[in-house]
Amino acid sequence: MTEQQDLLTPQENPDDKLSTGLQVLSFCIPLAGTIIYFSEKGKYPNKAKAACHAALWGMGIGILLNLIATMARGGN
């Protein structure tokens, strides 16, 4: 990493953006998003925040789909 990149704020740092593949991974496997969050939160806070949001959305939609499936089966 160059000195110029070290001086950039998180909003200006081009490396502080979560790739689409990692967003999909974080959404489909929330544990992976949690790991990405904790491993990147110090150096790349925007990347960590995006991974956390994708993991939370994935978890919430997973719970919602499970509730709908349970109600469709009649609760048994």
C-alpha atoms as a PDB file:
ATOM      1  CA  MET A   1       0.000   0.000   0.000  1.00  0.00           C
ATOM      2  CA  THR A   2       1.348   3.420  -0.867  1.00  0.00           C
ATOM      3  CA  GLU A   3       1.648   6.362   1.465  1.00  0.00           C
ATOM      4  CA  GLN A   4      -1.005   8.229  -0.498  1.00  0.00           C
ATOM      5  CA  GLN A   5      -3.549   5.475   0.143  1.00  0.00           C
ATOM      6  CA  ASP A   6      -2.735   5.595   3.856  1.00  0.00           C
ATOM      7  CA  LEU A   7      -3.579   9.312   3.918  1.00  0.00           C
ATOM      8  CA  LEU A   8      -6.980   8.920   2.251  1.00  0.00           C
ATOM      9  CA  THR A   9     -10.076   9.019   4.386  1.00  0.00           C
ATOM     10  CA  PRO A  10     -12.259   5.879   4.368  1.00  0.00           C
ATOM     11  CA  GLN A  11     -14.779   7.605   2.075  1.00  0.00           C
ATOM     12  CA  GLU A  12     -12.051   8.382  -0.508  1.00  0.00           C
ATOM     13  CA  ASN A  13     -10.188   5.075  -0.322  1.00  0.00           C
ATOM     14  CA  PRO A  14     -10.966   2.999  -3.437  1.00  0.00           C
ATOM     15  CA  ASP A  15      -9.961  -0.207  -1.591  1.00  0.00           C
ATOM     16  CA  ASP A  16     -12.680   0.398   1.019  1.00  0.00           C
ATOM     17  CA  LYS A  17     -15.491  -1.094  -1.087  1.00  0.00           C
ATOM     18  CA  LEU A  18     -16.785  -4.632  -0.702  1.00  0.00           C
ATOM     19  CA  SER A  19     -16.783  -6.575  -3.964  1.00  0.00           C
ATOM     20  CA  THR A  20     -20.037  -7.941  -5.353  1.00  0.00           C
ATOM     21  CA  GLY A  21     -18.872 -11.517  -4.807  1.00  0.00           C
ATOM     22  CA  LEU A  22     -18.181 -10.909  -1.133  1.00  0.00           C
ATOM     23  CA  GLN A  23     -21.532  -9.148  -0.756  1.00  0.00           C
ATOM     24  CA  VAL A  24     -23.305 -12.200  -2.178  1.00  0.00           C
ATOM     25  CA  LEU A  25     -21.247 -14.490   0.061  1.00  0.00           C
ATOM     26  CA  SER A  26     -22.073 -12.373   3.117  1.00  0.00           C
ATOM     27  CA  PHE A  27     -25.782 -12.442   2.217  1.00  0.00           C
ATOM     28  CA  CYS A  28     -25.939 -16.197   1.592  1.00  0.00           C
ATOM     29  CA  ILE A  29     -23.658 -17.168   4.496  1.00  0.00           C
ATOM     30  CA  PRO A  30     -24.059 -14.597   7.303  1.00  0.00           C
ATOM     31  CA  LEU A  31     -21.208 -16.166   9.278  1.00  0.00           C
ATOM     32  CA  ALA A  32     -18.855 -15.245   6.429  1.00  0.00           C
ATOM     33  CA  GLY A  33     -20.138 -11.657   6.573  1.00  0.00           C
ATOM     34  CA  THR A  34     -19.485 -11.566  10.304  1.00  0.00           C
ATOM     35  CA  ILE A  35     -15.933 -12.803   9.785  1.00  0.00           C
ATOM     36  CA  ILE A  36     -15.344 -10.217   7.042  1.00  0.00           C
ATOM     37  CA  TYR A  37     -16.739  -7.501   9.332  1.00  0.00           C
ATOM     38  CA  PHE A  38     -14.412  -8.276  12.227  1.00  0.00           C
ATOM     39  CA  SER A  39     -11.362  -8.782  10.020  1.00  0.00           C
ATOM     40  CA  GLU A  40     -11.821  -5.521   8.049  1.00  0.00           C
ATOM     41  CA  LYS A  41     -13.406  -3.083  10.538  1.00  0.00           C
ATOM     42  CA  GLY A  42     -10.143  -1.459  11.612  1.00  0.00           C
ATOM     43  CA  LYS A  43      -8.592  -0.767   8.231  1.00  0.00           C
ATOM     44  CA  TYR A  44     -11.619  -0.667   5.887  1.00  0.00           C
ATOM     45  CA  PRO A  45     -14.711   0.465   7.840  1.00  0.00           C
ATOM     46  CA  ASN A  46     -16.953   0.921   4.772  1.00  0.00           C
ATOM     47  CA  LYS A  47     -16.132  -2.576   3.536  1.00  0.00           C
ATOM     48  CA  ALA A  48     -16.856  -3.981   7.003  1.00  0.00           C
ATOM     49  CA  LYS A  49     -20.153  -2.107   7.225  1.00  0.00           C
ATOM     50  CA  ALA A  50     -21.282  -3.415   3.823  1.00  0.00           C
ATOM     51  CA  ALA A  51     -20.454  -6.999   4.836  1.00  0.00           C
ATOM     52  CA  CYS A  52     -22.351  -6.565   8.103  1.00  0.00           C
ATOM     53  CA  HIS A  53     -25.419  -5.156   6.339  1.00  0.00           C
ATOM     54  CA  ALA A  54     -25.423  -7.976   3.780  1.00  0.00           C
ATOM     55  CA  ALA A  55     -25.138 -10.573   6.557  1.00  0.00           C
ATOM     56  CA  LEU A  56     -27.981  -8.999   8.535  1.00  0.00           C
ATOM     57  CA  TRP A  57     -30.216  -8.839   5.438  1.00  0.00           C
ATOM     58  CA  GLY A  58     -29.419 -12.453   4.624  1.00  0.00           C
ATOM     59  CA  MET A  59     -30.184 -13.569   8.165  1.00  0.00           C
ATOM     60  CA  GLY A  60     -33.441 -11.613   8.276  1.00  0.00           C
ATOM     61  CA  ILE A  61     -34.671 -12.928   4.938  1.00  0.00           C
ATOM     62  CA  GLY A  62     -33.669 -16.465   5.946  1.00  0.00           C
ATOM     63  CA  ILE A  63     -35.711 -16.213   9.139  1.00  0.00           C
ATOM     64  CA  LEU A  64     -38.663 -14.768   7.215  1.00  0.00           C
ATOM     65  CA  LEU A  65     -38.553 -17.589   4.647  1.00  0.00           C
ATOM     66  CA  ASN A  66     -38.398 -20.180   7.448  1.00  0.00           C
ATOM     67  CA  LEU A  67     -41.453 -18.640   9.115  1.00  0.00           C
ATOM     68  CA  ILE A  68     -43.384 -18.666   5.844  1.00  0.00           C
ATOM     69  CA  ALA A  69     -42.402 -22.302   5.184  1.00  0.00           C
ATOM     70  CA  THR A  70     -43.452 -23.318   8.699  1.00  0.00           C
ATOM     71  CA  MET A  71     -46.830 -21.600   8.368  1.00  0.00           C
ATOM     72  CA  ALA A  72     -47.370 -23.166   4.932  1.00  0.00           C
ATOM     73  CA  ARG A  73     -46.832 -26.655   6.407  1.00  0.00           C
ATOM     74  CA  GLY A  74     -49.385 -25.978   9.108  1.00  0.00           C
ATOM     75  CA  GLY A  75     -46.940 -25.592  11.978  1.00  0.00           C
ATOM     76  CA  ASN A  76     -46.223 -29.321  12.392  1.00  0.00           C
END
